PDB file of N, CA and C in Angstrom:
ATOM      1  N   UNK A   1      51.582-238.251 -51.627  1.00  0.00           N
ATOM      2  CA  UNK A   1      52.361-237.050 -51.439  1.00  0.00           C
ATOM      3  C   UNK A   1      51.599-235.910 -52.093  1.00  0.00           C
ATOM      4  N   UNK A   2      51.500-234.791 -51.417  1.00  0.00           N
ATOM      5  CA  UNK A   2      50.707-233.663 -51.890  1.00  0.00           C
ATOM      6  C   UNK A   2      51.572-232.422 -52.037  1.00  0.00           C
ATOM      7  N   UNK A   3      51.507-231.827 -53.218  1.00  0.00           N
ATOM      8  CA  UNK A   3      52.138-230.528 -53.467  1.00  0.00           C
ATOM      9  C   UNK A   3      51.035-229.523 -53.764  1.00  0.00           C
ATOM     10  N   UNK A   4      51.145-228.336 -53.180  1.00  0.00           N
ATOM     11  CA  UNK A   4      50.176-227.284 -53.466  1.00  0.00           C
ATOM     12  C   UNK A   4      50.658-226.534 -54.698  1.00  0.00           C
ATOM     13  N   UNK A   5      49.914-226.714 -55.771  1.00  0.00           N
ATOM     14  CA  UNK A   5      50.246-226.106 -57.048  1.00  0.00           C
ATOM     15  C   UNK A   5      49.369-224.883 -57.267  1.00  0.00           C
ATOM     16  N   UNK A   6      49.091-224.601 -58.515  1.00  0.00           N
ATOM     17  CA  UNK A   6      48.262-223.462 -58.898  1.00  0.00           C
ATOM     18  C   UNK A   6      47.917-223.605 -60.369  1.00  0.00           C
ATOM     19  N   UNK A   7      46.817-222.978 -60.773  1.00  0.00           N
ATOM     20  CA  UNK A   7      46.517-222.909 -62.198  1.00  0.00           C
ATOM     21  C   UNK A   7      47.616-222.133 -62.910  1.00  0.00           C
ATOM     22  N   UNK A   8      48.351-221.333 -62.162  1.00  0.00           N
ATOM     23  CA  UNK A   8      49.454-220.553 -62.733  1.00  0.00           C
ATOM     24  C   UNK A   8      50.591-221.443 -63.231  1.00  0.00           C
ATOM     25  N   UNK A   9      50.610-222.708 -62.830  1.00  0.00           N
ATOM     26  CA  UNK A   9      51.640-223.628 -63.280  1.00  0.00           C
ATOM     27  C   UNK A   9      51.324-224.309 -64.594  1.00  0.00           C
ATOM     28  N   UNK A  10      50.140-224.038 -65.152  1.00  0.00           N
ATOM     29  CA  UNK A  10      49.758-224.635 -66.432  1.00  0.00           C
ATOM     30  C   UNK A  10      50.388-223.848 -67.578  1.00  0.00           C
ATOM     31  N   UNK A  11      51.079-224.536 -68.450  1.00  0.00           N
ATOM     32  CA  UNK A  11      51.667-223.886 -69.625  1.00  0.00           C
ATOM     33  C   UNK A  11      50.610-223.751 -70.722  1.00  0.00           C
ATOM     34  N   UNK A  12      49.793-224.753 -70.892  1.00  0.00           N
ATOM     35  CA  UNK A  12      48.767-224.728 -71.941  1.00  0.00           C
ATOM     36  C   UNK A  12      47.721-223.643 -71.688  1.00  0.00           C
ATOM     37  N   UNK A  13      47.255-223.513 -70.457  1.00  0.00           N
ATOM     38  CA  UNK A  13      46.204-222.548 -70.118  1.00  0.00           C
ATOM     39  C   UNK A  13      46.806-221.391 -69.329  1.00  0.00           C
ATOM     40  N   UNK A  14      47.556-220.564 -70.007  1.00  0.00           N
ATOM     41  CA  UNK A  14      48.271-219.472 -69.353  1.00  0.00           C
ATOM     42  C   UNK A  14      47.790-218.114 -69.876  1.00  0.00           C
ATOM     43  N   UNK A  15      46.826-217.501 -69.195  1.00  0.00           N
ATOM     44  CA  UNK A  15      46.370-216.179 -69.626  1.00  0.00           C
ATOM     45  C   UNK A  15      47.202-215.045 -69.038  1.00  0.00           C
ATOM     46  N   UNK A  16      48.108-215.364 -68.132  1.00  0.00           N
ATOM     47  CA  UNK A  16      48.872-214.336 -67.418  1.00  0.00           C
ATOM     48  C   UNK A  16      49.958-213.729 -68.300  1.00  0.00           C
ATOM     49  N   UNK A  17      50.327-212.492 -67.964  1.00  0.00           N
ATOM     50  CA  UNK A  17      51.413-211.821 -68.691  1.00  0.00           C
ATOM     51  C   UNK A  17      52.461-211.258 -67.733  1.00  0.00           C
ATOM     52  N   UNK A  18      52.367-211.640 -66.475  1.00  0.00           N
ATOM     53  CA  UNK A  18      53.346-211.219 -65.472  1.00  0.00           C
ATOM     54  C   UNK A  18      53.412-212.278 -64.386  1.00  0.00           C
ATOM     55  N   UNK A  19      53.971-211.970 -63.256  1.00  0.00           N
ATOM     56  CA  UNK A  19      54.186-212.927 -62.165  1.00  0.00           C
ATOM     57  C   UNK A  19      55.059-214.094 -62.618  1.00  0.00           C
ATOM     58  N   UNK A  20      56.118-213.753 -63.345  1.00  0.00           N
ATOM     59  CA  UNK A  20      57.005-214.765 -63.914  1.00  0.00           C
ATOM     60  C   UNK A  20      57.505-215.748 -62.860  1.00  0.00           C
ATOM     61  N   UNK A  21      57.995-215.224 -61.749  1.00  0.00           N
ATOM     62  CA  UNK A  21      58.598-216.087 -60.725  1.00  0.00           C
ATOM     63  C   UNK A  21      57.583-217.078 -60.167  1.00  0.00           C
ATOM     64  N   UNK A  22      56.370-216.633 -59.915  1.00  0.00           N
ATOM     65  CA  UNK A  22      55.345-217.509 -59.342  1.00  0.00           C
ATOM     66  C   UNK A  22      54.940-218.587 -60.350  1.00  0.00           C
ATOM     67  N   UNK A  23      54.603-218.168 -61.563  1.00  0.00           N
ATOM     68  CA  UNK A  23      54.156-219.122 -62.587  1.00  0.00           C
ATOM     69  C   UNK A  23      55.244-220.139 -62.920  1.00  0.00           C
ATOM     70  N   UNK A  24      56.472-219.666 -63.081  1.00  0.00           N
ATOM     71  CA  UNK A  24      57.564-220.568 -63.431  1.00  0.00           C
ATOM     72  C   UNK A  24      57.874-221.543 -62.293  1.00  0.00           C
ATOM     73  N   UNK A  25      57.793-221.086 -61.058  1.00  0.00           N
ATOM     74  CA  UNK A  25      58.073-221.988 -59.935  1.00  0.00           C
ATOM     75  C   UNK A  25      56.984-223.048 -59.805  1.00  0.00           C
ATOM     76  N   UNK A  26      55.726-222.685 -60.080  1.00  0.00           N
ATOM     77  CA  UNK A  26      54.641-223.674 -60.021  1.00  0.00           C
ATOM     78  C   UNK A  26      54.756-224.674 -61.175  1.00  0.00           C
ATOM     79  N   UNK A  27      55.122-224.207 -62.360  1.00  0.00           N
ATOM     80  CA  UNK A  27      55.328-225.129 -63.486  1.00  0.00           C
ATOM     81  C   UNK A  27      56.467-226.100 -63.170  1.00  0.00           C
ATOM     82  N   UNK A  28      57.523-225.593 -62.559  1.00  0.00           N
ATOM     83  CA  UNK A  28      58.654-226.454 -62.180  1.00  0.00           C
ATOM     84  C   UNK A  28      58.230-227.459 -61.108  1.00  0.00           C
ATOM     85  N   UNK A  29      57.425-227.023 -60.156  1.00  0.00           N
ATOM     86  CA  UNK A  29      56.954-227.935 -59.121  1.00  0.00           C
ATOM     87  C   UNK A  29      56.068-229.024 -59.721  1.00  0.00           C
ATOM     88  N   UNK A  30      55.245-228.652 -60.708  1.00  0.00           N
ATOM     89  CA  UNK A  30      54.416-229.653 -61.381  1.00  0.00           C
ATOM     90  C   UNK A  30      55.287-230.694 -62.076  1.00  0.00           C
ATOM     91  N   UNK A  31      56.351-230.247 -62.738  1.00  0.00           N
ATOM     92  CA  UNK A  31      57.267-231.182 -63.381  1.00  0.00           C
ATOM     93  C   UNK A  31      57.938-232.065 -62.337  1.00  0.00           C
ATOM     94  N   UNK A  32      58.342-231.480 -61.234  1.00  0.00           N
ATOM     95  CA  UNK A  32      58.936-232.269 -60.158  1.00  0.00           C
ATOM     96  C   UNK A  32      57.975-233.322 -59.636  1.00  0.00           C
ATOM     97  N   UNK A  33      56.711-232.980 -59.539  1.00  0.00           N
ATOM     98  CA  UNK A  33      55.697-233.940 -59.090  1.00  0.00           C
ATOM     99  C   UNK A  33      55.604-235.113 -60.065  1.00  0.00           C
ATOM    100  N   UNK A  34      55.610-234.805 -61.352  1.00  0.00           N
ATOM    101  CA  UNK A  34      55.531-235.861 -62.379  1.00  0.00           C
ATOM    102  C   UNK A  34      56.776-236.740 -62.354  1.00  0.00           C
ATOM    103  N   UNK A  35      57.934-236.117 -62.260  1.00  0.00           N
ATOM    104  CA  UNK A  35      59.176-236.891 -62.199  1.00  0.00           C
ATOM    105  C   UNK A  35      59.207-237.805 -60.976  1.00  0.00           C
ATOM    106  N   UNK A  36      58.779-237.274 -59.832  1.00  0.00           N
ATOM    107  CA  UNK A  36      58.764-238.086 -58.614  1.00  0.00           C
ATOM    108  C   UNK A  36      57.790-239.246 -58.756  1.00  0.00           C
ATOM    109  N   UNK A  37      56.612-239.002 -59.343  1.00  0.00           N
ATOM    110  CA  UNK A  37      55.657-240.098 -59.537  1.00  0.00           C
ATOM    111  C   UNK A  37      56.259-241.174 -60.433  1.00  0.00           C
ATOM    112  N   UNK A  38      56.921-240.776 -61.517  1.00  0.00           N
ATOM    113  CA  UNK A  38      57.566-241.744 -62.411  1.00  0.00           C
ATOM    114  C   UNK A  38      58.643-242.538 -61.678  1.00  0.00           C
ATOM    115  N   UNK A  39      59.430-241.859 -60.864  1.00  0.00           N
ATOM    116  CA  UNK A  39      60.488-242.511 -60.092  1.00  0.00           C
ATOM    117  C   UNK A  39      59.890-243.543 -59.126  1.00  0.00           C
ATOM    118  N   UNK A  40      58.844-243.138 -58.428  1.00  0.00           N
ATOM    119  CA  UNK A  40      58.228-244.045 -57.456  1.00  0.00           C
ATOM    120  C   UNK A  40      57.601-245.258 -58.145  1.00  0.00           C
ATOM    121  N   UNK A  41      57.022-245.055 -59.328  1.00  0.00           N
ATOM    122  CA  UNK A  41      56.453-246.192 -60.069  1.00  0.00           C
ATOM    123  C   UNK A  41      57.540-247.184 -60.462  1.00  0.00           C
ATOM    124  N   UNK A  42      58.702-246.670 -60.848  1.00  0.00           N
ATOM    125  CA  UNK A  42      59.824-247.560 -61.205  1.00  0.00           C
ATOM    126  C   UNK A  42      60.246-248.418 -60.026  1.00  0.00           C
ATOM    127  N   UNK A  43      60.102-247.899 -58.828  1.00  0.00           N
ATOM    128  CA  UNK A  43      60.483-248.616 -57.613  1.00  0.00           C
ATOM    129  C   UNK A  43      59.360-249.519 -57.118  1.00  0.00           C
ATOM    130  N   UNK A  44      58.269-249.620 -57.911  1.00  0.00           N
ATOM    131  CA  UNK A  44      57.102-250.409 -57.548  1.00  0.00           C
ATOM    132  C   UNK A  44      56.508-249.936 -56.228  1.00  0.00           C
ATOM    133  N   UNK A  45      56.549-248.642 -56.045  1.00  0.00           N
ATOM    134  CA  UNK A  45      56.023-248.034 -54.834  1.00  0.00           C
ATOM    135  C   UNK A  45      54.558-247.674 -55.051  1.00  0.00           C
ATOM    136  N   UNK A  46      53.777-247.697 -54.034  1.00  0.00           N
ATOM    137  CA  UNK A  46      52.344-247.393 -54.133  1.00  0.00           C
ATOM    138  C   UNK A  46      52.024-245.956 -53.692  1.00  0.00           C
ATOM    139  N   UNK A  47      53.025-245.105 -53.605  1.00  0.00           N
ATOM    140  CA  UNK A  47      52.812-243.717 -53.200  1.00  0.00           C
ATOM    141  C   UNK A  47      52.313-242.917 -54.403  1.00  0.00           C
ATOM    142  N   UNK A  48      51.211-242.221 -54.235  1.00  0.00           N
ATOM    143  CA  UNK A  48      50.642-241.372 -55.285  1.00  0.00           C
ATOM    144  C   UNK A  48      51.077-239.933 -55.027  1.00  0.00           C
ATOM    145  N   UNK A  49      51.503-239.262 -56.074  1.00  0.00           N
ATOM    146  CA  UNK A  49      51.907-237.863 -56.000  1.00  0.00           C
ATOM    147  C   UNK A  49      50.788-237.020 -56.608  1.00  0.00           C
ATOM    148  N   UNK A  50      50.394-235.961 -55.918  1.00  0.00           N
ATOM    149  CA  UNK A  50      49.367-235.046 -56.405  1.00  0.00           C
ATOM    150  C   UNK A  50      49.897-233.615 -56.393  1.00  0.00           C
ATOM    151  N   UNK A  51      49.556-232.855 -57.422  1.00  0.00           N
ATOM    152  CA  UNK A  51      49.843-231.418 -57.490  1.00  0.00           C
ATOM    153  C   UNK A  51      48.484-230.731 -57.563  1.00  0.00           C
ATOM    154  N   UNK A  52      48.060-230.134 -56.472  1.00  0.00           N
ATOM    155  CA  UNK A  52      46.693-229.629 -56.314  1.00  0.00           C
ATOM    156  C   UNK A  52      46.637-228.110 -56.445  1.00  0.00           C
ATOM    157  N   UNK A  53      45.735-227.650 -57.317  1.00  0.00           N
ATOM    158  CA  UNK A  53      45.408-226.220 -57.408  1.00  0.00           C
ATOM    159  C   UNK A  53      44.257-225.979 -56.442  1.00  0.00           C
ATOM    160  N   UNK A  54      44.492-225.222 -55.359  1.00  0.00           N
ATOM    161  CA  UNK A  54      43.444-225.057 -54.352  1.00  0.00           C
ATOM    162  C   UNK A  54      42.382-224.025 -54.701  1.00  0.00           C
ATOM    163  N   UNK A  55      42.667-223.149 -55.651  1.00  0.00           N
ATOM    164  CA  UNK A  55      41.743-222.062 -55.957  1.00  0.00           C
ATOM    165  C   UNK A  55      42.260-220.749 -55.377  1.00  0.00           C
ATOM    166  N   UNK A  56      41.477-219.710 -55.533  1.00  0.00           N
ATOM    167  CA  UNK A  56      41.852-218.369 -55.058  1.00  0.00           C
ATOM    168  C   UNK A  56      41.389-218.228 -53.614  1.00  0.00           C
ATOM    169  N   UNK A  57      42.330-218.258 -52.695  1.00  0.00           N
ATOM    170  CA  UNK A  57      42.041-218.355 -51.266  1.00  0.00           C
ATOM    171  C   UNK A  57      42.328-217.028 -50.561  1.00  0.00           C
ATOM    172  N   UNK A  58      41.475-216.708 -49.584  1.00  0.00           N
ATOM    173  CA  UNK A  58      41.674-215.508 -48.769  1.00  0.00           C
ATOM    174  C   UNK A  58      42.844-215.735 -47.803  1.00  0.00           C
ATOM    175  N   UNK A  59      44.013-215.347 -48.258  1.00  0.00           N
ATOM    176  CA  UNK A  59      45.238-215.436 -47.467  1.00  0.00           C
ATOM    177  C   UNK A  59      45.989-214.126 -47.665  1.00  0.00           C
ATOM    178  N   UNK A  60      47.152-214.009 -47.053  1.00  0.00           N
ATOM    179  CA  UNK A  60      47.978-212.821 -47.295  1.00  0.00           C
ATOM    180  C   UNK A  60      48.286-212.677 -48.778  1.00  0.00           C
ATOM    181  N   UNK A  61      48.556-213.784 -49.438  1.00  0.00           N
ATOM    182  CA  UNK A  61      48.868-213.735 -50.863  1.00  0.00           C
ATOM    183  C   UNK A  61      47.616-213.516 -51.713  1.00  0.00           C
ATOM    184  N   UNK A  62      46.544-214.247 -51.415  1.00  0.00           N
ATOM    185  CA  UNK A  62      45.317-214.162 -52.200  1.00  0.00           C
ATOM    186  C   UNK A  62      44.546-212.872 -51.994  1.00  0.00           C
ATOM    187  N   UNK A  63      44.659-212.305 -50.807  1.00  0.00           N
ATOM    188  CA  UNK A  63      43.981-211.055 -50.499  1.00  0.00           C
ATOM    189  C   UNK A  63      42.577-211.251 -49.959  1.00  0.00           C
ATOM    190  N   UNK A  64      42.023-210.189 -49.449  1.00  0.00           N
ATOM    191  CA  UNK A  64      40.702-210.214 -48.817  1.00  0.00           C
ATOM    192  C   UNK A  64      39.576-210.435 -49.814  1.00  0.00           C
ATOM    193  N   UNK A  65      39.788-210.160 -51.085  1.00  0.00           N
ATOM    194  CA  UNK A  65      38.737-210.313 -52.090  1.00  0.00           C
ATOM    195  C   UNK A  65      38.685-211.701 -52.716  1.00  0.00           C
ATOM    196  N   UNK A  66      39.570-212.588 -52.302  1.00  0.00           N
ATOM    197  CA  UNK A  66      39.588-213.943 -52.855  1.00  0.00           C
ATOM    198  C   UNK A  66      38.278-214.661 -52.557  1.00  0.00           C
ATOM    199  N   UNK A  67      37.930-215.601 -53.424  1.00  0.00           N
ATOM    200  CA  UNK A  67      36.652-216.303 -53.349  1.00  0.00           C
ATOM    201  C   UNK A  67      36.521-217.286 -52.192  1.00  0.00           C
ATOM    202  N   UNK A  68      37.618-217.904 -51.785  1.00  0.00           N
ATOM    203  CA  UNK A  68      37.526-219.094 -50.947  1.00  0.00           C
ATOM    204  C   UNK A  68      38.092-218.921 -49.546  1.00  0.00           C
ATOM    205  N   UNK A  69      37.421-219.580 -48.607  1.00  0.00           N
ATOM    206  CA  UNK A  69      37.852-219.617 -47.212  1.00  0.00           C
ATOM    207  C   UNK A  69      38.934-220.690 -47.048  1.00  0.00           C
ATOM    208  N   UNK A  70      40.031-220.369 -46.390  1.00  0.00           N
ATOM    209  CA  UNK A  70      41.124-221.351 -46.246  1.00  0.00           C
ATOM    210  C   UNK A  70      40.692-222.660 -45.580  1.00  0.00           C
ATOM    211  N   UNK A  71      39.836-222.598 -44.576  1.00  0.00           N
ATOM    212  CA  UNK A  71      39.403-223.820 -43.893  1.00  0.00           C
ATOM    213  C   UNK A  71      38.597-224.712 -44.822  1.00  0.00           C
ATOM    214  N   UNK A  72      37.710-224.118 -45.618  1.00  0.00           N
ATOM    215  CA  UNK A  72      36.912-224.888 -46.576  1.00  0.00           C
ATOM    216  C   UNK A  72      37.813-225.586 -47.597  1.00  0.00           C
ATOM    217  N   UNK A  73      38.799-224.855 -48.081  1.00  0.00           N
ATOM    218  CA  UNK A  73      39.722-225.438 -49.064  1.00  0.00           C
ATOM    219  C   UNK A  73      40.533-226.565 -48.434  1.00  0.00           C
ATOM    220  N   UNK A  74      41.000-226.371 -47.215  1.00  0.00           N
ATOM    221  CA  UNK A  74      41.764-227.414 -46.526  1.00  0.00           C
ATOM    222  C   UNK A  74      40.921-228.683 -46.356  1.00  0.00           C
ATOM    223  N   UNK A  75      39.651-228.521 -46.032  1.00  0.00           N
ATOM    224  CA  UNK A  75      38.762-229.679 -45.894  1.00  0.00           C
ATOM    225  C   UNK A  75      38.585-230.398 -47.232  1.00  0.00           C
ATOM    226  N   UNK A  76      38.439-229.628 -48.312  1.00  0.00           N
ATOM    227  CA  UNK A  76      38.312-230.228 -49.643  1.00  0.00           C
ATOM    228  C   UNK A  76      39.563-231.017 -50.018  1.00  0.00           C
ATOM    229  N   UNK A  77      40.723-230.437 -49.744  1.00  0.00           N
ATOM    230  CA  UNK A  77      41.982-231.109 -50.083  1.00  0.00           C
ATOM    231  C   UNK A  77      42.173-232.358 -49.230  1.00  0.00           C
ATOM    232  N   UNK A  78      41.842-232.283 -47.956  1.00  0.00           N
ATOM    233  CA  UNK A  78      41.945-233.454 -47.089  1.00  0.00           C
ATOM    234  C   UNK A  78      41.041-234.573 -47.601  1.00  0.00           C
ATOM    235  N   UNK A  79      39.816-234.229 -47.989  1.00  0.00           N
ATOM    236  CA  UNK A  79      38.902-235.238 -48.540  1.00  0.00           C
ATOM    237  C   UNK A  79      39.477-235.839 -49.815  1.00  0.00           C
ATOM    238  N   UNK A  80      40.095-235.026 -50.643  1.00  0.00           N
ATOM    239  CA  UNK A  80      40.698-235.504 -51.886  1.00  0.00           C
ATOM    240  C   UNK A  80      41.829-236.496 -51.606  1.00  0.00           C
ATOM    241  N   UNK A  81      42.619-236.232 -50.592  1.00  0.00           N
ATOM    242  CA  UNK A  81      43.737-237.135 -50.276  1.00  0.00           C
ATOM    243  C   UNK A  81      43.254-238.479 -49.748  1.00  0.00           C
ATOM    244  N   UNK A  82      42.050-238.528 -49.228  1.00  0.00           N
ATOM    245  CA  UNK A  82      41.504-239.778 -48.686  1.00  0.00           C
ATOM    246  C   UNK A  82      40.849-240.648 -49.757  1.00  0.00           C
ATOM    247  N   UNK A  83      40.650-240.088 -50.946  1.00  0.00           N
ATOM    248  CA  UNK A  83      40.056-240.852 -52.042  1.00  0.00           C
ATOM    249  C   UNK A  83      41.107-241.782 -52.642  1.00  0.00           C
ATOM    250  N   UNK A  84      40.668-242.912 -53.204  1.00  0.00           N
ATOM    251  CA  UNK A  84      41.641-243.773 -53.897  1.00  0.00           C
ATOM    252  C   UNK A  84      42.098-243.098 -55.193  1.00  0.00           C
ATOM    253  N   UNK A  85      43.382-243.197 -55.474  1.00  0.00           N
ATOM    254  CA  UNK A  85      43.955-242.621 -56.690  1.00  0.00           C
ATOM    255  C   UNK A  85      44.747-243.690 -57.426  1.00  0.00           C
ATOM    256  N   UNK A  86      44.512-243.781 -58.720  1.00  0.00           N
ATOM    257  CA  UNK A  86      45.252-244.708 -59.574  1.00  0.00           C
ATOM    258  C   UNK A  86      46.685-244.198 -59.704  1.00  0.00           C
ATOM    259  N   UNK A  87      47.636-245.058 -59.453  1.00  0.00           N
ATOM    260  CA  UNK A  87      49.048-244.681 -59.534  1.00  0.00           C
ATOM    261  C   UNK A  87      49.408-244.158 -60.927  1.00  0.00           C
ATOM    262  N   UNK A  88      48.655-244.577 -61.951  1.00  0.00           N
ATOM    263  CA  UNK A  88      48.887-244.111 -63.312  1.00  0.00           C
ATOM    264  C   UNK A  88      47.920-242.989 -63.719  1.00  0.00           C
ATOM    265  N   UNK A  89      47.091-242.571 -62.792  1.00  0.00           N
ATOM    266  CA  UNK A  89      46.086-241.563 -63.087  1.00  0.00           C
ATOM    267  C   UNK A  89      46.631-240.146 -63.004  1.00  0.00           C
ATOM    268  N   UNK A  90      45.729-239.176 -63.104  1.00  0.00           N
ATOM    269  CA  UNK A  90      46.114-237.766 -63.101  1.00  0.00           C
ATOM    270  C   UNK A  90      46.869-237.362 -61.833  1.00  0.00           C
ATOM    271  N   UNK A  91      47.733-236.383 -61.995  1.00  0.00           N
ATOM    272  CA  UNK A  91      48.499-235.819 -60.888  1.00  0.00           C
ATOM    273  C   UNK A  91      48.079-234.376 -60.634  1.00  0.00           C
ATOM    274  N   UNK A  92      47.945-233.612 -61.707  1.00  0.00           N
ATOM    275  CA  UNK A  92      47.667-232.175 -61.629  1.00  0.00           C
ATOM    276  C   UNK A  92      46.157-231.973 -61.673  1.00  0.00           C
ATOM    277  N   UNK A  93      45.580-231.465 -60.575  1.00  0.00           N
ATOM    278  CA  UNK A  93      44.132-231.348 -60.471  1.00  0.00           C
ATOM    279  C   UNK A  93      43.728-230.221 -59.538  1.00  0.00           C
ATOM    280  N   UNK A  94      42.440-229.890 -59.574  1.00  0.00           N
ATOM    281  CA  UNK A  94      41.928-228.900 -58.633  1.00  0.00           C
ATOM    282  C   UNK A  94      41.576-229.582 -57.312  1.00  0.00           C
ATOM    283  N   UNK A  95      41.070-228.833 -56.369  1.00  0.00           N
ATOM    284  CA  UNK A  95      40.827-229.376 -55.030  1.00  0.00           C
ATOM    285  C   UNK A  95      39.697-230.389 -54.975  1.00  0.00           C
ATOM    286  N   UNK A  96      38.944-230.541 -56.080  1.00  0.00           N
ATOM    287  CA  UNK A  96      37.871-231.517 -56.151  1.00  0.00           C
ATOM    288  C   UNK A  96      38.277-232.756 -56.940  1.00  0.00           C
ATOM    289  N   UNK A  97      39.481-232.774 -57.494  1.00  0.00           N
ATOM    290  CA  UNK A  97      39.968-233.912 -58.255  1.00  0.00           C
ATOM    291  C   UNK A  97      39.780-233.804 -59.745  1.00  0.00           C
ATOM    292  N   UNK A  98      39.333-232.639 -60.240  1.00  0.00           N
ATOM    293  CA  UNK A  98      39.195-232.429 -61.678  1.00  0.00           C
ATOM    294  C   UNK A  98      40.578-232.210 -62.278  1.00  0.00           C
ATOM    295  N   UNK A  99      40.921-233.053 -63.256  1.00  0.00           N
ATOM    296  CA  UNK A  99      42.241-232.970 -63.874  1.00  0.00           C
ATOM    297  C   UNK A  99      42.434-231.626 -64.581  1.00  0.00           C
ATOM    298  N   UNK A 100      43.616-231.061 -64.422  1.00  0.00           N
ATOM    299  CA  UNK A 100      43.984-229.810 -65.085  1.00  0.00           C
ATOM    300  C   UNK A 100      44.987-230.107 -66.192  1.00  0.00           C
ATOM    301  N   UNK A 101      45.036-229.229 -67.186  1.00  0.00           N
ATOM    302  CA  UNK A 101      45.985-229.396 -68.283  1.00  0.00           C
ATOM    303  C   UNK A 101      47.336-228.840 -67.889  1.00  0.00           C
ATOM    304  N   UNK A 102      48.379-229.573 -68.258  1.00  0.00           N
ATOM    305  CA  UNK A 102      49.736-229.166 -67.933  1.00  0.00           C
ATOM    306  C   UNK A 102      50.072-227.887 -68.648  1.00  0.00           C
TER     307      UNK A 102
END
């Protein structure tokens, strides 16, 4: 299961001083991802939950000056979902699978 998160959802690494609604909703989604993974593990389910930070993407939200092309990011995320993931391993990561701090 894949949730599109953001670095804005990290409480430990939070340099922002505004965008309360966005940051708080991403932090809540990250918690929901963790809770769902714990729930699925209790059910002896093999479904892995991921909360992926895709990076700064050229979209309506990211703007024209964003670093990344949406198609490139989508390909990276698709490749990440095809990799084997330990059910007890990291959930919150970037589009390359590098673990992020909660």
